[in-house]
C-alpha atoms as a PDB file:
ATOM      1  CA  MET A   1     -11.985  12.930 -46.175  1.00  0.00           C
ATOM      2  CA  PRO A   2     -10.151  12.439 -49.481  1.00  0.00           C
ATOM      3  CA  ARG A   3     -12.087  12.751 -52.692  1.00  0.00           C
ATOM      4  CA  LYS A   4     -13.133   9.706 -54.655  1.00  0.00           C
ATOM      5  CA  PRO A   5     -10.883   9.240 -57.707  1.00  0.00           C
ATOM      6  CA  ASN A   6     -12.470   9.617 -61.102  1.00  0.00           C
ATOM      7  CA  TYR A   7      -9.982   7.782 -63.280  1.00  0.00           C
ATOM      8  CA  LYS A   8     -12.001   7.960 -66.487  1.00  0.00           C
ATOM      9  CA  PHE A   9     -12.420  11.749 -66.289  1.00  0.00           C
ATOM     10  CA  GLU A  10      -8.756  12.306 -65.399  1.00  0.00           C
ATOM     11  CA  ARG A  11      -7.612  10.138 -68.278  1.00  0.00           C
ATOM     12  CA  MET A  12      -9.927  11.949 -70.695  1.00  0.00           C
ATOM     13  CA  GLU A  13      -8.495  15.279 -69.526  1.00  0.00           C
ATOM     14  CA  ARG A  14      -4.907  14.059 -70.018  1.00  0.00           C
ATOM     15  CA  ASP A  15      -5.743  12.704 -73.471  1.00  0.00           C
ATOM     16  CA  ARG A  16      -7.462  15.962 -74.426  1.00  0.00           C
ATOM     17  CA  ALA A  17      -4.451  18.004 -73.296  1.00  0.00           C
ATOM     18  CA  LYS A  18      -2.108  15.672 -75.160  1.00  0.00           C
ATOM     19  CA  ALA A  19      -4.182  15.934 -78.350  1.00  0.00           C
ATOM     20  CA  ASN A  20      -4.230  19.740 -78.077  1.00  0.00           C
ATOM     21  CA  LYS A  21      -0.459  19.872 -77.613  1.00  0.00           C
ATOM     22  CA  LYS A  22       0.055  17.517 -80.544  1.00  0.00           C
ATOM     23  CA  ALA A  23      -2.208  19.642 -82.764  1.00  0.00           C
ATOM     24  CA  LEU A  24      -0.293  22.813 -81.845  1.00  0.00           C
ATOM     25  CA  ARG A  25       3.015  21.148 -82.652  1.00  0.00           C
ATOM     26  CA  ALA A  26       1.693  19.858 -85.977  1.00  0.00           C
ATOM     27  CA  GLU A  27       0.429  23.340 -86.875  1.00  0.00           C
ATOM     28  CA  ALA A  28       3.785  24.917 -85.983  1.00  0.00           C
ATOM     29  CA  LYS A  29       5.603  22.280 -88.022  1.00  0.00           C
ATOM     30  CA  LYS A  30       3.295  22.923 -90.994  1.00  0.00           C
ATOM     31  CA  GLU A  31       3.832  26.698 -90.776  1.00  0.00           C
ATOM     32  CA  LYS A  32       7.595  26.199 -90.573  1.00  0.00           C
ATOM     33  CA  LYS A  33       7.516  23.950 -93.632  1.00  0.00           C
ATOM     34  CA  VAL A  34       5.460  26.500 -95.581  1.00  0.00           C
ATOM     35  CA  ALA A  35       7.835  29.301 -94.582  1.00  0.00           C
ATOM     36  CA  GLU A  36      10.884  27.288 -95.629  1.00  0.00           C
ATOM     37  CA  GLY A  37       9.177  26.384 -98.897  1.00  0.00           C
ATOM     38  CA  ALA A  38       8.442  30.021 -99.638  1.00  0.00           C
ATOM     39  CA  GLU A  39      12.028  30.936 -98.854  1.00  0.00           C
ATOM     40  CA  ASN A  40      13.389  28.216-101.137  1.00  0.00           C
ATOM     41  CA  ALA A  41      11.009  29.143-103.960  1.00  0.00           C
ATOM     42  CA  THR A  42      12.445  32.663-104.238  1.00  0.00           C
ATOM     43  CA  THR A  43      16.029  31.495-104.731  1.00  0.00           C
ATOM     44  CA  ASP A  44      17.609  28.816-106.857  1.00  0.00           C
ATOM     45  CA  PRO A  45      20.096  26.285-105.391  1.00  0.00           C
ATOM     46  CA  GLU A  46      23.041  28.627-105.966  1.00  0.00           C
ATOM     47  CA  GLY A  47      21.346  31.292-103.849  1.00  0.00           C
ATOM     48  CA  GLU A  48      20.627  33.666-106.699  1.00  0.00           C
ATOM     49  CA  PRO A  49      17.138  35.087-107.191  1.00  0.00           C
ATOM     50  CA  GLN A  50      15.073  33.378-109.837  1.00  0.00           C
ATOM     51  CA  GLY A  51      13.824  35.344-112.763  1.00  0.00           C
ATOM     52  CA  GLU A  52      14.056  35.723-116.490  1.00  0.00           C
ATOM     53  CA  ASP A  53      17.562  35.740-117.905  1.00  0.00           C
ATOM     54  CA  ILE A  54      17.881  38.512-120.470  1.00  0.00           C
END
């Protein structure tokens, strides 16, 4: 005999998995942005390291 469907539970599980995946993507995007920001902060637009000009 087939099982009785539990639509509410299945939908909650899908939504939970979707939210988890979305959170992981947002975290990866944030880390990538921070890494690119750190990389850009160490060089000026011409590609030369920033520092005091003597």
